[in-house]
Amino acid sequence: MCRSIKTLRPPAIPEEATEEEIRAAALQFVRKVSGFRVPAAHNQEVFDRAVEEITEATVRLLDGLEVRGAVRTP
């Protein structure tokens, strides 16, 4: 997979991931899967929509994860 996508949950990072970090990971994922660093104009909308959907799914994932032994902050 993409080596530039980093783990976004504690304890891999000291605090909760920022919206910017989550969106950057989603963008890297879409770039990798699509094979396009920058999409052509006729693909821009679907590319952007995929980034948004993956960002939202990642937020839900991180919010729902329970890391045993870690202190969860609200």
Protein backbone atom coordinates (compact mmCIF):
# COMPACT_ATOMS: atom_id res chain seq x y z
CA MET A 1 0.00 0.00 0.00
CA CYS A 2 1.08 3.60 0.32
CA ARG A 3 4.08 3.92 2.55
CA SER A 4 3.38 7.64 2.98
CA ILE A 5 0.10 6.95 4.78
CA LYS A 6 0.88 6.89 8.48
CA THR A 7 -1.01 5.35 11.38
CA LEU A 8 -3.43 7.97 12.69
CA ARG A 9 -4.35 6.62 16.10
CA PRO A 10 -2.67 6.83 19.47
CA PRO A 11 -0.28 5.47 20.60
CA ALA A 12 1.25 5.58 17.09
CA ILE A 13 0.82 9.35 17.27
CA PRO A 14 0.82 11.14 20.63
CA GLU A 15 -2.61 12.77 20.23
CA GLU A 16 -5.68 12.49 18.06
CA ALA A 17 -5.17 12.98 14.34
CA THR A 18 -6.11 16.36 12.93
CA GLU A 19 -8.62 16.84 10.12
CA GLU A 20 -5.68 17.83 7.91
CA GLU A 21 -3.80 14.58 8.65
CA ILE A 22 -6.92 12.49 8.00
CA ARG A 23 -7.65 14.27 4.71
CA ALA A 24 -4.01 13.91 3.59
CA ALA A 25 -4.18 10.16 4.21
CA ALA A 26 -7.46 9.93 2.28
CA LEU A 27 -5.95 11.87 -0.62
CA GLN A 28 -2.92 9.56 -0.71
CA PHE A 29 -5.22 6.53 -0.71
CA VAL A 30 -7.31 7.86 -3.62
CA ARG A 31 -4.16 8.76 -5.56
CA LYS A 32 -2.78 5.26 -5.06
CA VAL A 33 -5.99 3.45 -5.94
CA SER A 34 -6.81 5.64 -8.96
CA GLY A 35 -3.26 5.79 -10.27
CA PHE A 36 -3.54 9.56 -10.70
CA ARG A 37 -1.63 12.14 -8.70
CA VAL A 38 -3.84 14.86 -10.17
CA PRO A 39 -7.00 13.80 -11.99
CA ALA A 40 -8.05 15.13 -15.37
CA ALA A 41 -10.78 17.78 -15.29
CA HIS A 42 -13.45 15.24 -16.28
CA ASN A 43 -12.49 13.07 -13.26
CA GLN A 44 -12.06 15.86 -10.69
CA GLU A 45 -15.54 15.62 -9.19
CA VAL A 46 -15.46 11.87 -8.62
CA PHE A 47 -11.87 12.11 -7.30
CA ASP A 48 -12.81 14.85 -4.81
CA ARG A 49 -15.94 12.97 -3.74
CA ALA A 50 -13.88 9.84 -3.06
CA VAL A 51 -11.44 11.86 -0.91
CA GLU A 52 -14.35 13.31 1.10
CA GLU A 53 -16.03 9.93 1.58
CA ILE A 54 -12.79 8.28 2.70
CA THR A 55 -12.06 11.18 5.04
CA GLU A 56 -15.51 10.77 6.64
CA ALA A 57 -15.12 6.98 6.89
CA THR A 58 -11.70 7.42 8.50
CA VAL A 59 -13.10 9.83 11.10
CA ARG A 60 -15.83 7.28 11.94
CA LEU A 61 -13.24 4.50 12.15
CA LEU A 62 -10.92 6.43 14.44
CA ASP A 63 -13.84 7.55 16.64
CA GLY A 64 -15.02 3.97 17.00
CA LEU A 65 -11.72 2.24 17.68
CA GLU A 66 -11.03 0.98 21.15
CA VAL A 67 -7.34 0.56 21.83
CA ARG A 68 -6.94 -1.69 24.82
CA GLY A 69 -4.62 -0.36 27.47
CA ALA A 70 -4.81 3.18 26.11
CA VAL A 71 -6.51 6.04 27.90
CA ARG A 72 -9.34 7.35 25.70
CA THR A 73 -9.93 11.10 25.76
CA PRO A 74 -13.38 12.48 24.88
